[in-house]
């Protein structure tokens, strides 16, 4: 690992012993920083990585990146005090109104 400034959130079980060789500097974010800044930034990063995995058609990499996106969305859900049941209910409600995406409908224009 090279020296450098990352300024990104890390998973709870990131092997810090691997980082000790380069003397990492870190701090615990405030709940507001974590919720309002770090998580949205991390979601953008993980979605970008997922898009790259999809483009590569590498199923294992897609699965890995989907898991990372899910980890971030779970953290967002928890920091926003939204239960899994509440989220699933909203997903079902929206699905019953609008359906899903699996019919591959692509809107080109309207009017």
PDB file of N, CA and C in Angstrom:
ATOM      1  N   UNK A   1       0.841  -1.182   0.000  1.00  0.00           N
ATOM      2  CA  UNK A   1       0.000   0.000   0.000  1.00  0.00           C
ATOM      3  C   UNK A   1       0.880   1.237   0.000  1.00  0.00           C
ATOM      4  N   UNK A   2       0.533   2.194  -0.825  1.00  0.00           N
ATOM      5  CA  UNK A   2       1.326   3.413  -0.928  1.00  0.00           C
ATOM      6  C   UNK A   2       0.862   4.433   0.104  1.00  0.00           C
ATOM      7  N   UNK A   3       1.743   5.380   0.412  1.00  0.00           N
ATOM      8  CA  UNK A   3       1.365   6.486   1.276  1.00  0.00           C
ATOM      9  C   UNK A   3       0.389   7.371   0.523  1.00  0.00           C
ATOM     10  N   UNK A   4      -0.491   8.030   1.257  1.00  0.00           N
ATOM     11  CA  UNK A   4      -1.409   8.938   0.602  1.00  0.00           C
ATOM     12  C   UNK A   4      -2.556   9.310   1.509  1.00  0.00           C
ATOM     13  N   UNK A   5      -3.341  10.229   1.035  1.00  0.00           N
ATOM     14  CA  UNK A   5      -4.509  10.693   1.762  1.00  0.00           C
ATOM     15  C   UNK A   5      -5.729  10.102   1.085  1.00  0.00           C
ATOM     16  N   UNK A   6      -6.511   9.332   1.825  1.00  0.00           N
ATOM     17  CA  UNK A   6      -7.682   8.687   1.270  1.00  0.00           C
ATOM     18  C   UNK A   6      -8.965   9.439   1.604  1.00  0.00           C
ATOM     19  N   UNK A   7      -9.142   9.817   2.851  1.00  0.00           N
ATOM     20  CA  UNK A   7     -10.333  10.526   3.311  1.00  0.00           C
ATOM     21  C   UNK A   7     -11.604   9.806   2.882  1.00  0.00           C
ATOM     22  N   UNK A   8     -11.766   8.576   3.359  1.00  0.00           N
ATOM     23  CA  UNK A   8     -12.955   7.801   3.054  1.00  0.00           C
ATOM     24  C   UNK A   8     -13.303   6.917   4.236  1.00  0.00           C
ATOM     25  N   UNK A   9     -14.566   6.558   4.330  1.00  0.00           N
ATOM     26  CA  UNK A   9     -14.955   5.691   5.426  1.00  0.00           C
ATOM     27  C   UNK A   9     -14.500   4.270   5.145  1.00  0.00           C
ATOM     28  N   UNK A  10     -14.266   3.540   6.211  1.00  0.00           N
ATOM     29  CA  UNK A  10     -13.764   2.178   6.117  1.00  0.00           C
ATOM     30  C   UNK A  10     -14.765   1.250   6.792  1.00  0.00           C
ATOM     31  N   UNK A  11     -14.783   0.005   6.374  1.00  0.00           N
ATOM     32  CA  UNK A  11     -15.623  -0.989   7.043  1.00  0.00           C
ATOM     33  C   UNK A  11     -15.072  -1.246   8.433  1.00  0.00           C
ATOM     34  N   UNK A  12     -15.955  -1.662   9.345  1.00  0.00           N
ATOM     35  CA  UNK A  12     -15.589  -1.859  10.744  1.00  0.00           C
ATOM     36  C   UNK A  12     -14.451  -2.847  10.939  1.00  0.00           C
ATOM     37  N   UNK A  13     -14.373  -3.845  10.078  1.00  0.00           N
ATOM     38  CA  UNK A  13     -13.357  -4.880  10.250  1.00  0.00           C
ATOM     39  C   UNK A  13     -12.225  -4.766   9.239  1.00  0.00           C
ATOM     40  N   UNK A  14     -11.964  -3.572   8.760  1.00  0.00           N
ATOM     41  CA  UNK A  14     -10.820  -3.379   7.870  1.00  0.00           C
ATOM     42  C   UNK A  14      -9.574  -3.776   8.643  1.00  0.00           C
ATOM     43  N   UNK A  15      -8.737  -4.637   8.073  1.00  0.00           N
ATOM     44  CA  UNK A  15      -7.562  -5.109   8.819  1.00  0.00           C
ATOM     45  C   UNK A  15      -6.540  -3.986   9.013  1.00  0.00           C
ATOM     46  N   UNK A  16      -6.679  -3.267  10.129  1.00  0.00           N
ATOM     47  CA  UNK A  16      -5.784  -2.145  10.393  1.00  0.00           C
ATOM     48  C   UNK A  16      -4.337  -2.592  10.555  1.00  0.00           C
ATOM     49  N   UNK A  17      -4.130  -3.863  10.915  1.00  0.00           N
ATOM     50  CA  UNK A  17      -2.744  -4.329  11.018  1.00  0.00           C
ATOM     51  C   UNK A  17      -2.047  -4.256   9.664  1.00  0.00           C
ATOM     52  N   UNK A  18      -2.823  -4.386   8.574  1.00  0.00           N
ATOM     53  CA  UNK A  18      -2.252  -4.228   7.235  1.00  0.00           C
ATOM     54  C   UNK A  18      -1.831  -2.784   7.002  1.00  0.00           C
ATOM     55  N   UNK A  19      -2.585  -1.871   7.601  1.00  0.00           N
ATOM     56  CA  UNK A  19      -2.309  -0.449   7.414  1.00  0.00           C
ATOM     57  C   UNK A  19      -1.234   0.068   8.369  1.00  0.00           C
ATOM     58  N   UNK A  20      -0.942  -0.665   9.423  1.00  0.00           N
ATOM     59  CA  UNK A  20      -0.010  -0.183  10.441  1.00  0.00           C
ATOM     60  C   UNK A  20       1.385   0.093   9.868  1.00  0.00           C
ATOM     61  N   UNK A  21       1.751  -0.609   8.823  1.00  0.00           N
ATOM     62  CA  UNK A  21       3.070  -0.392   8.226  1.00  0.00           C
ATOM     63  C   UNK A  21       3.216   1.033   7.713  1.00  0.00           C
ATOM     64  N   UNK A  22       2.092   1.662   7.366  1.00  0.00           N
ATOM     65  CA  UNK A  22       2.148   3.016   6.833  1.00  0.00           C
ATOM     66  C   UNK A  22       1.595   4.031   7.832  1.00  0.00           C
ATOM     67  N   UNK A  23       1.367   3.602   9.065  1.00  0.00           N
ATOM     68  CA  UNK A  23       0.915   4.463  10.153  1.00  0.00           C
ATOM     69  C   UNK A  23      -0.332   5.269   9.758  1.00  0.00           C
ATOM     70  N   UNK A  24      -1.475   4.591   9.694  1.00  0.00           N
ATOM     71  CA  UNK A  24      -2.697   5.291   9.292  1.00  0.00           C
ATOM     72  C   UNK A  24      -3.132   6.311  10.338  1.00  0.00           C
ATOM     73  N   UNK A  25      -3.719   7.365   9.874  1.00  0.00           N
ATOM     74  CA  UNK A  25      -4.316   8.359  10.758  1.00  0.00           C
ATOM     75  C   UNK A  25      -5.810   8.327  10.480  1.00  0.00           C
ATOM     76  N   UNK A  26      -6.602   8.146  11.513  1.00  0.00           N
ATOM     77  CA  UNK A  26      -8.044   8.090  11.326  1.00  0.00           C
ATOM     78  C   UNK A  26      -8.734   8.686  12.535  1.00  0.00           C
ATOM     79  N   UNK A  27     -10.033   8.934  12.382  1.00  0.00           N
ATOM     80  CA  UNK A  27     -10.840   9.421  13.497  1.00  0.00           C
ATOM     81  C   UNK A  27     -12.244   8.868  13.330  1.00  0.00           C
ATOM     82  N   UNK A  28     -12.996   8.900  14.395  1.00  0.00           N
ATOM     83  CA  UNK A  28     -14.392   8.482  14.360  1.00  0.00           C
ATOM     84  C   UNK A  28     -15.217   9.712  13.990  1.00  0.00           C
ATOM     85  N   UNK A  29     -16.029   9.573  12.950  1.00  0.00           N
ATOM     86  CA  UNK A  29     -16.851  10.699  12.490  1.00  0.00           C
ATOM     87  C   UNK A  29     -18.004  10.949  13.449  1.00  0.00           C
ATOM     88  N   UNK A  30     -18.461  12.173  13.474  1.00  0.00           N
ATOM     89  CA  UNK A  30     -19.673  12.477  14.226  1.00  0.00           C
ATOM     90  C   UNK A  30     -20.841  11.806  13.509  1.00  0.00           C
ATOM     91  N   UNK A  31     -21.934  11.561  14.204  1.00  0.00           N
ATOM     92  CA  UNK A  31     -23.100  10.967  13.529  1.00  0.00           C
ATOM     93  C   UNK A  31     -23.561  11.793  12.323  1.00  0.00           C
ATOM     94  N   UNK A  32     -23.483  13.110  12.442  1.00  0.00           N
ATOM     95  CA  UNK A  32     -23.916  13.980  11.341  1.00  0.00           C
ATOM     96  C   UNK A  32     -22.977  13.874  10.140  1.00  0.00           C
ATOM     97  N   UNK A  33     -21.663  13.879  10.382  1.00  0.00           N
ATOM     98  CA  UNK A  33     -20.698  13.734   9.288  1.00  0.00           C
ATOM     99  C   UNK A  33     -20.876  12.401   8.577  1.00  0.00           C
ATOM    100  N   UNK A  34     -21.064  11.359   9.379  1.00  0.00           N
ATOM    101  CA  UNK A  34     -21.237  10.023   8.824  1.00  0.00           C
ATOM    102  C   UNK A  34     -22.496   9.964   7.958  1.00  0.00           C
ATOM    103  N   UNK A  35     -23.615  10.439   8.495  1.00  0.00           N
ATOM    104  CA  UNK A  35     -24.911  10.389   7.812  1.00  0.00           C
ATOM    105  C   UNK A  35     -24.970  11.308   6.604  1.00  0.00           C
ATOM    106  N   UNK A  36     -24.512  12.547   6.765  1.00  0.00           N
ATOM    107  CA  UNK A  36     -24.744  13.579   5.751  1.00  0.00           C
ATOM    108  C   UNK A  36     -23.633  13.707   4.713  1.00  0.00           C
ATOM    109  N   UNK A  37     -22.432  13.267   5.041  1.00  0.00           N
ATOM    110  CA  UNK A  37     -21.300  13.433   4.122  1.00  0.00           C
ATOM    111  C   UNK A  37     -20.677  12.107   3.702  1.00  0.00           C
ATOM    112  N   UNK A  38     -20.242  11.322   4.676  1.00  0.00           N
ATOM    113  CA  UNK A  38     -19.469  10.117   4.358  1.00  0.00           C
ATOM    114  C   UNK A  38     -20.296   9.052   3.646  1.00  0.00           C
ATOM    115  N   UNK A  39     -21.498   8.780   4.140  1.00  0.00           N
ATOM    116  CA  UNK A  39     -22.297   7.729   3.505  1.00  0.00           C
ATOM    117  C   UNK A  39     -22.728   8.086   2.080  1.00  0.00           C
ATOM    118  N   UNK A  40     -23.234   9.303   1.817  1.00  0.00           N
ATOM    119  CA  UNK A  40     -23.555   9.622   0.417  1.00  0.00           C
ATOM    120  C   UNK A  40     -22.339   9.547  -0.504  1.00  0.00           C
ATOM    121  N   UNK A  41     -21.183   9.976  -0.023  1.00  0.00           N
ATOM    122  CA  UNK A  41     -19.961   9.893  -0.824  1.00  0.00           C
ATOM    123  C   UNK A  41     -19.590   8.438  -1.088  1.00  0.00           C
ATOM    124  N   UNK A  42     -19.685   7.610  -0.058  1.00  0.00           N
ATOM    125  CA  UNK A  42     -19.358   6.186  -0.203  1.00  0.00           C
ATOM    126  C   UNK A  42     -20.339   5.506  -1.151  1.00  0.00           C
ATOM    127  N   UNK A  43     -21.613   5.872  -1.097  1.00  0.00           N
ATOM    128  CA  UNK A  43     -22.598   5.279  -2.006  1.00  0.00           C
ATOM    129  C   UNK A  43     -22.238   5.593  -3.456  1.00  0.00           C
ATOM    130  N   UNK A  44     -21.865   6.834  -3.730  1.00  0.00           N
ATOM    131  CA  UNK A  44     -21.453   7.219  -5.081  1.00  0.00           C
ATOM    132  C   UNK A  44     -20.256   6.382  -5.528  1.00  0.00           C
ATOM    133  N   UNK A  45     -19.276   6.215  -4.651  1.00  0.00           N
ATOM    134  CA  UNK A  45     -18.077   5.419  -4.964  1.00  0.00           C
ATOM    135  C   UNK A  45     -18.446   3.972  -5.272  1.00  0.00           C
ATOM    136  N   UNK A  46     -19.286   3.379  -4.430  1.00  0.00           N
ATOM    137  CA  UNK A  46     -19.636   1.971  -4.612  1.00  0.00           C
ATOM    138  C   UNK A  46     -20.497   1.751  -5.857  1.00  0.00           C
ATOM    139  N   UNK A  47     -21.394   2.686  -6.172  1.00  0.00           N
ATOM    140  CA  UNK A  47     -22.205   2.561  -7.386  1.00  0.00           C
ATOM    141  C   UNK A  47     -21.312   2.655  -8.620  1.00  0.00           C
ATOM    142  N   UNK A  48     -20.314   3.519  -8.574  1.00  0.00           N
ATOM    143  CA  UNK A  48     -19.366   3.621  -9.695  1.00  0.00           C
ATOM    144  C   UNK A  48     -18.640   2.288  -9.894  1.00  0.00           C
ATOM    145  N   UNK A  49     -18.211   1.681  -8.799  1.00  0.00           N
ATOM    146  CA  UNK A  49     -17.536   0.388  -8.888  1.00  0.00           C
ATOM    147  C   UNK A  49     -18.485  -0.697  -9.399  1.00  0.00           C
ATOM    148  N   UNK A  50     -19.746  -0.633  -9.006  1.00  0.00           N
ATOM    149  CA  UNK A  50     -20.733  -1.586  -9.502  1.00  0.00           C
ATOM    150  C   UNK A  50     -20.934  -1.417 -11.003  1.00  0.00           C
ATOM    151  N   UNK A  51     -21.030  -0.186 -11.460  1.00  0.00           N
ATOM    152  CA  UNK A  51     -21.176   0.063 -12.903  1.00  0.00           C
ATOM    153  C   UNK A  51     -19.989  -0.518 -13.682  1.00  0.00           C
ATOM    154  N   UNK A  52     -18.786  -0.359 -13.151  1.00  0.00           N
ATOM    155  CA  UNK A  52     -17.594  -0.909 -13.797  1.00  0.00           C
ATOM    156  C   UNK A  52     -17.648  -2.439 -13.818  1.00  0.00           C
ATOM    157  N   UNK A  53     -18.113  -3.039 -12.722  1.00  0.00           N
ATOM    158  CA  UNK A  53     -18.227  -4.498 -12.665  1.00  0.00           C
ATOM    159  C   UNK A  53     -19.262  -4.998 -13.676  1.00  0.00           C
ATOM    160  N   UNK A  54     -20.382  -4.299 -13.787  1.00  0.00           N
ATOM    161  CA  UNK A  54     -21.411  -4.675 -14.761  1.00  0.00           C
ATOM    162  C   UNK A  54     -20.842  -4.600 -16.172  1.00  0.00           C
ATOM    163  N   UNK A  55     -20.107  -3.552 -16.459  1.00  0.00           N
ATOM    164  CA  UNK A  55     -19.510  -3.389 -17.795  1.00  0.00           C
ATOM    165  C   UNK A  55     -18.516  -4.507 -18.103  1.00  0.00           C
ATOM    166  N   UNK A  56     -17.875  -5.050 -17.070  1.00  0.00           N
ATOM    167  CA  UNK A  56     -16.893  -6.114 -17.280  1.00  0.00           C
ATOM    168  C   UNK A  56     -17.543  -7.492 -17.445  1.00  0.00           C
ATOM    169  N   UNK A  57     -18.840  -7.603 -17.127  1.00  0.00           N
ATOM    170  CA  UNK A  57     -19.578  -8.873 -17.206  1.00  0.00           C
ATOM    171  C   UNK A  57     -18.977  -9.943 -16.305  1.00  0.00           C
ATOM    172  N   UNK A  58     -18.301  -9.514 -15.251  1.00  0.00           N
ATOM    173  CA  UNK A  58     -17.676 -10.433 -14.293  1.00  0.00           C
ATOM    174  C   UNK A  58     -18.664 -10.666 -13.148  1.00  0.00           C
ATOM    175  N   UNK A  59     -19.346 -11.814 -13.182  1.00  0.00           N
ATOM    176  CA  UNK A  59     -20.409 -12.090 -12.209  1.00  0.00           C
ATOM    177  C   UNK A  59     -19.916 -12.004 -10.766  1.00  0.00           C
ATOM    178  N   UNK A  60     -18.735 -12.550 -10.487  1.00  0.00           N
ATOM    179  CA  UNK A  60     -18.193 -12.523  -9.124  1.00  0.00           C
ATOM    180  C   UNK A  60     -17.953 -11.084  -8.664  1.00  0.00           C
ATOM    181  N   UNK A  61     -17.433 -10.258  -9.551  1.00  0.00           N
ATOM    182  CA  UNK A  61     -17.177  -8.851  -9.210  1.00  0.00           C
ATOM    183  C   UNK A  61     -18.501  -8.104  -9.029  1.00  0.00           C
ATOM    184  N   UNK A  62     -19.495  -8.403  -9.877  1.00  0.00           N
ATOM    185  CA  UNK A  62     -20.815  -7.779  -9.734  1.00  0.00           C
ATOM    186  C   UNK A  62     -21.406  -8.130  -8.370  1.00  0.00           C
ATOM    187  N   UNK A  63     -21.320  -9.397  -7.990  1.00  0.00           N
ATOM    188  CA  UNK A  63     -21.830  -9.832  -6.692  1.00  0.00           C
ATOM    189  C   UNK A  63     -21.126  -9.103  -5.552  1.00  0.00           C
ATOM    190  N   UNK A  64     -19.809  -8.998  -5.648  1.00  0.00           N
ATOM    191  CA  UNK A  64     -19.015  -8.304  -4.627  1.00  0.00           C
ATOM    192  C   UNK A  64     -19.438  -6.835  -4.509  1.00  0.00           C
ATOM    193  N   UNK A  65     -19.601  -6.173  -5.642  1.00  0.00           N
ATOM    194  CA  UNK A  65     -19.964  -4.755  -5.614  1.00  0.00           C
ATOM    195  C   UNK A  65     -21.414  -4.547  -5.185  1.00  0.00           C
ATOM    196  N   UNK A  66     -22.309  -5.456  -5.563  1.00  0.00           N
ATOM    197  CA  UNK A  66     -23.687  -5.375  -5.074  1.00  0.00           C
ATOM    198  C   UNK A  66     -23.727  -5.479  -3.547  1.00  0.00           C
ATOM    199  N   UNK A  67     -22.901  -6.360  -3.001  1.00  0.00           N
ATOM    200  CA  UNK A  67     -22.828  -6.500  -1.543  1.00  0.00           C
ATOM    201  C   UNK A  67     -22.333  -5.205  -0.898  1.00  0.00           C
ATOM    202  N   UNK A  68     -21.344  -4.557  -1.514  1.00  0.00           N
ATOM    203  CA  UNK A  68     -20.839  -3.292  -0.980  1.00  0.00           C
ATOM    204  C   UNK A  68     -21.908  -2.195  -1.045  1.00  0.00           C
ATOM    205  N   UNK A  69     -22.632  -2.120  -2.156  1.00  0.00           N
ATOM    206  CA  UNK A  69     -23.712  -1.127  -2.277  1.00  0.00           C
ATOM    207  C   UNK A  69     -24.770  -1.403  -1.209  1.00  0.00           C
ATOM    208  N   UNK A  70     -25.102  -2.682  -1.018  1.00  0.00           N
ATOM    209  CA  UNK A  70     -26.097  -3.041  -0.006  1.00  0.00           C
ATOM    210  C   UNK A  70     -25.618  -2.657   1.388  1.00  0.00           C
ATOM    211  N   UNK A  71     -24.331  -2.853   1.679  1.00  0.00           N
ATOM    212  CA  UNK A  71     -23.787  -2.447   2.981  1.00  0.00           C
ATOM    213  C   UNK A  71     -23.986  -0.952   3.219  1.00  0.00           C
ATOM    214  N   UNK A  72     -23.711  -0.154   2.193  1.00  0.00           N
ATOM    215  CA  UNK A  72     -23.855   1.302   2.344  1.00  0.00           C
ATOM    216  C   UNK A  72     -25.327   1.681   2.477  1.00  0.00           C
ATOM    217  N   UNK A  73     -26.194   1.084   1.646  1.00  0.00           N
ATOM    218  CA  UNK A  73     -27.616   1.439   1.760  1.00  0.00           C
ATOM    219  C   UNK A  73     -28.189   0.979   3.096  1.00  0.00           C
ATOM    220  N   UNK A  74     -27.704  -0.131   3.624  1.00  0.00           N
ATOM    221  CA  UNK A  74     -28.135  -0.556   4.963  1.00  0.00           C
ATOM    222  C   UNK A  74     -27.703   0.462   6.017  1.00  0.00           C
ATOM    223  N   UNK A  75     -26.477   0.953   5.911  1.00  0.00           N
ATOM    224  CA  UNK A  75     -26.002   1.962   6.867  1.00  0.00           C
ATOM    225  C   UNK A  75     -26.823   3.247   6.749  1.00  0.00           C
ATOM    226  N   UNK A  76     -27.164   3.639   5.530  1.00  0.00           N
ATOM    227  CA  UNK A  76     -28.015   4.823   5.337  1.00  0.00           C
ATOM    228  C   UNK A  76     -29.378   4.583   5.975  1.00  0.00           C
ATOM    229  N   UNK A  77     -29.955   3.414   5.722  1.00  0.00           N
ATOM    230  CA  UNK A  77     -31.262   3.085   6.298  1.00  0.00           C
ATOM    231  C   UNK A  77     -31.215   3.170   7.824  1.00  0.00           C
ATOM    232  N   UNK A  78     -30.187   2.610   8.407  1.00  0.00           N
ATOM    233  CA  UNK A  78     -30.070   2.601   9.872  1.00  0.00           C
ATOM    234  C   UNK A  78     -29.870   4.011  10.416  1.00  0.00           C
ATOM    235  N   UNK A  79     -29.000   4.807   9.789  1.00  0.00           N
ATOM    236  CA  UNK A  79     -28.762   6.162  10.296  1.00  0.00           C
ATOM    237  C   UNK A  79     -29.971   7.069  10.100  1.00  0.00           C
ATOM    238  N   UNK A  80     -30.875   6.685   9.206  1.00  0.00           N
ATOM    239  CA  UNK A  80     -32.109   7.457   9.001  1.00  0.00           C
ATOM    240  C   UNK A  80     -33.270   6.875   9.806  1.00  0.00           C
ATOM    241  N   UNK A  81     -32.976   5.903  10.669  1.00  0.00           N
ATOM    242  CA  UNK A  81     -33.975   5.259  11.536  1.00  0.00           C
ATOM    243  C   UNK A  81     -35.125   4.649  10.731  1.00  0.00           C
ATOM    244  N   UNK A  82     -34.775   3.961   9.657  1.00  0.00           N
ATOM    245  CA  UNK A  82     -35.755   3.270   8.821  1.00  0.00           C
ATOM    246  C   UNK A  82     -35.553   1.775   9.027  1.00  0.00           C
ATOM    247  N   UNK A  83     -36.606   1.085   9.436  1.00  0.00           N
ATOM    248  CA  UNK A  83     -36.500  -0.355   9.666  1.00  0.00           C
ATOM    249  C   UNK A  83     -36.532  -1.105   8.337  1.00  0.00           C
ATOM    250  N   UNK A  84     -36.041  -2.332   8.366  1.00  0.00           N
ATOM    251  CA  UNK A  84     -36.102  -3.179   7.180  1.00  0.00           C
ATOM    252  C   UNK A  84     -37.552  -3.400   6.770  1.00  0.00           C
ATOM    253  N   UNK A  85     -38.426  -3.599   7.742  1.00  0.00           N
ATOM    254  CA  UNK A  85     -39.850  -3.804   7.463  1.00  0.00           C
ATOM    255  C   UNK A  85     -40.450  -2.575   6.788  1.00  0.00           C
ATOM    256  N   UNK A  86     -40.117  -1.402   7.287  1.00  0.00           N
ATOM    257  CA  UNK A  86     -40.613  -0.159   6.694  1.00  0.00           C
ATOM    258  C   UNK A  86     -40.120  -0.004   5.251  1.00  0.00           C
ATOM    259  N   UNK A  87     -38.848  -0.299   5.032  1.00  0.00           N
ATOM    260  CA  UNK A  87     -38.283  -0.197   3.687  1.00  0.00           C
ATOM    261  C   UNK A  87     -38.941  -1.191   2.733  1.00  0.00           C
ATOM    262  N   UNK A  88     -39.097  -2.424   3.178  1.00  0.00           N
ATOM    263  CA  UNK A  88     -39.726  -3.436   2.329  1.00  0.00           C
ATOM    264  C   UNK A  88     -41.175  -3.076   2.022  1.00  0.00           C
ATOM    265  N   UNK A  89     -41.848  -2.484   2.998  1.00  0.00           N
ATOM    266  CA  UNK A  89     -43.230  -2.034   2.780  1.00  0.00           C
ATOM    267  C   UNK A  89     -43.293  -0.940   1.730  1.00  0.00           C
ATOM    268  N   UNK A  90     -42.376  -0.003   1.800  1.00  0.00           N
ATOM    269  CA  UNK A  90     -42.342   1.077   0.812  1.00  0.00           C
ATOM    270  C   UNK A  90     -41.995   0.539  -0.573  1.00  0.00           C
ATOM    271  N   UNK A  91     -41.082  -0.399  -0.618  1.00  0.00           N
ATOM    272  CA  UNK A  91     -40.719  -1.019  -1.896  1.00  0.00           C
ATOM    273  C   UNK A  91     -41.920  -1.745  -2.492  1.00  0.00           C
ATOM    274  N   UNK A  92     -42.663  -2.459  -1.675  1.00  0.00           N
ATOM    275  CA  UNK A  92     -43.863  -3.162  -2.149  1.00  0.00           C
ATOM    276  C   UNK A  92     -44.927  -2.166  -2.605  1.00  0.00           C
ATOM    277  N   UNK A  93     -45.109  -1.091  -1.838  1.00  0.00           N
ATOM    278  CA  UNK A  93     -46.100  -0.072  -2.199  1.00  0.00           C
ATOM    279  C   UNK A  93     -45.761   0.543  -3.553  1.00  0.00           C
ATOM    280  N   UNK A  94     -44.511   0.936  -3.727  1.00  0.00           N
ATOM    281  CA  UNK A  94     -44.094   1.531  -5.000  1.00  0.00           C
ATOM    282  C   UNK A  94     -44.179   0.519  -6.137  1.00  0.00           C
ATOM    283  N   UNK A  95     -43.836  -0.725  -5.845  1.00  0.00           N
ATOM    284  CA  UNK A  95     -43.929  -1.767  -6.861  1.00  0.00           C
ATOM    285  C   UNK A  95     -45.351  -1.999  -7.322  1.00  0.00           C
ATOM    286  N   UNK A  96     -46.288  -1.937  -6.383  1.00  0.00           N
ATOM    287  CA  UNK A  96     -47.688  -2.144  -6.771  1.00  0.00           C
ATOM    288  C   UNK A  96     -48.220  -0.963  -7.574  1.00  0.00           C
ATOM    289  N   UNK A  97     -47.681   0.220  -7.356  1.00  0.00           N
ATOM    290  CA  UNK A  97     -48.102   1.405  -8.120  1.00  0.00           C
ATOM    291  C   UNK A  97     -47.433   1.472  -9.483  1.00  0.00           C
ATOM    292  N   UNK A  98     -46.122   1.271  -9.515  1.00  0.00           N
ATOM    293  CA  UNK A  98     -45.336   1.507 -10.727  1.00  0.00           C
ATOM    294  C   UNK A  98     -44.736   0.260 -11.352  1.00  0.00           C
ATOM    295  N   UNK A  99     -44.782  -0.852 -10.663  1.00  0.00           N
ATOM    296  CA  UNK A  99     -44.108  -2.046 -11.157  1.00  0.00           C
ATOM    297  C   UNK A  99     -42.617  -1.967 -10.889  1.00  0.00           C
ATOM    298  N   UNK A 100     -41.893  -2.855 -11.537  1.00  0.00           N
ATOM    299  CA  UNK A 100     -40.438  -2.887 -11.370  1.00  0.00           C
ATOM    300  C   UNK A 100     -39.733  -2.500 -12.652  1.00  0.00           C
ATOM    301  N   UNK A 101     -38.526  -2.983 -12.805  1.00  0.00           N
ATOM    302  CA  UNK A 101     -37.706  -2.630 -13.966  1.00  0.00           C
ATOM    303  C   UNK A 101     -37.480  -3.804 -14.917  1.00  0.00           C
ATOM    304  N   UNK A 102     -37.931  -4.995 -14.570  1.00  0.00           N
ATOM    305  CA  UNK A 102     -37.542  -6.187 -15.315  1.00  0.00           C
ATOM    306  C   UNK A 102     -38.170  -6.310 -16.698  1.00  0.00           C
ATOM    307  N   UNK A 103     -39.145  -5.470 -17.033  1.00  0.00           N
ATOM    308  CA  UNK A 103     -39.705  -5.506 -18.391  1.00  0.00           C
ATOM    309  C   UNK A 103     -38.843  -4.728 -19.381  1.00  0.00           C
ATOM    310  N   UNK A 104     -37.803  -4.085 -18.896  1.00  0.00           N
ATOM    311  CA  UNK A 104     -36.796  -3.398 -19.713  1.00  0.00           C
ATOM    312  C   UNK A 104     -37.366  -2.234 -20.532  1.00  0.00           C
ATOM    313  N   UNK A 105     -38.388  -1.555 -20.027  1.00  0.00           N
ATOM    314  CA  UNK A 105     -39.000  -0.430 -20.728  1.00  0.00           C
ATOM    315  C   UNK A 105     -38.067   0.769 -20.657  1.00  0.00           C
ATOM    316  N   UNK A 106     -37.760   1.376 -21.794  1.00  0.00           N
ATOM    317  CA  UNK A 106     -36.843   2.503 -21.871  1.00  0.00           C
ATOM    318  C   UNK A 106     -37.584   3.663 -22.543  1.00  0.00           C
ATOM    319  N   UNK A 107     -37.863   4.729 -21.791  1.00  0.00           N
ATOM    320  CA  UNK A 107     -38.607   5.873 -22.309  1.00  0.00           C
ATOM    321  C   UNK A 107     -37.668   6.752 -23.151  1.00  0.00           C
ATOM    322  N   UNK A 108     -38.069   7.009 -24.375  1.00  0.00           N
ATOM    323  CA  UNK A 108     -37.266   7.829 -25.273  1.00  0.00           C
ATOM    324  C   UNK A 108     -37.754   9.268 -25.261  1.00  0.00           C
ATOM    325  N   UNK A 109     -39.055   9.450 -25.334  1.00  0.00           N
ATOM    326  CA  UNK A 109     -39.620  10.806 -25.288  1.00  0.00           C
ATOM    327  C   UNK A 109     -41.099  10.711 -24.949  1.00  0.00           C
ATOM    328  N   UNK A 110     -41.707  11.836 -24.684  1.00  0.00           N
ATOM    329  CA  UNK A 110     -43.157  11.891 -24.482  1.00  0.00           C
ATOM    330  C   UNK A 110     -43.625  13.268 -24.863  1.00  0.00           C
ATOM    331  N   UNK A 111     -44.935  13.368 -25.077  1.00  0.00           N
ATOM    332  CA  UNK A 111     -45.510  14.687 -25.381  1.00  0.00           C
ATOM    333  C   UNK A 111     -46.133  14.793 -26.735  1.00  0.00           C
TER     334      UNK A 111
END
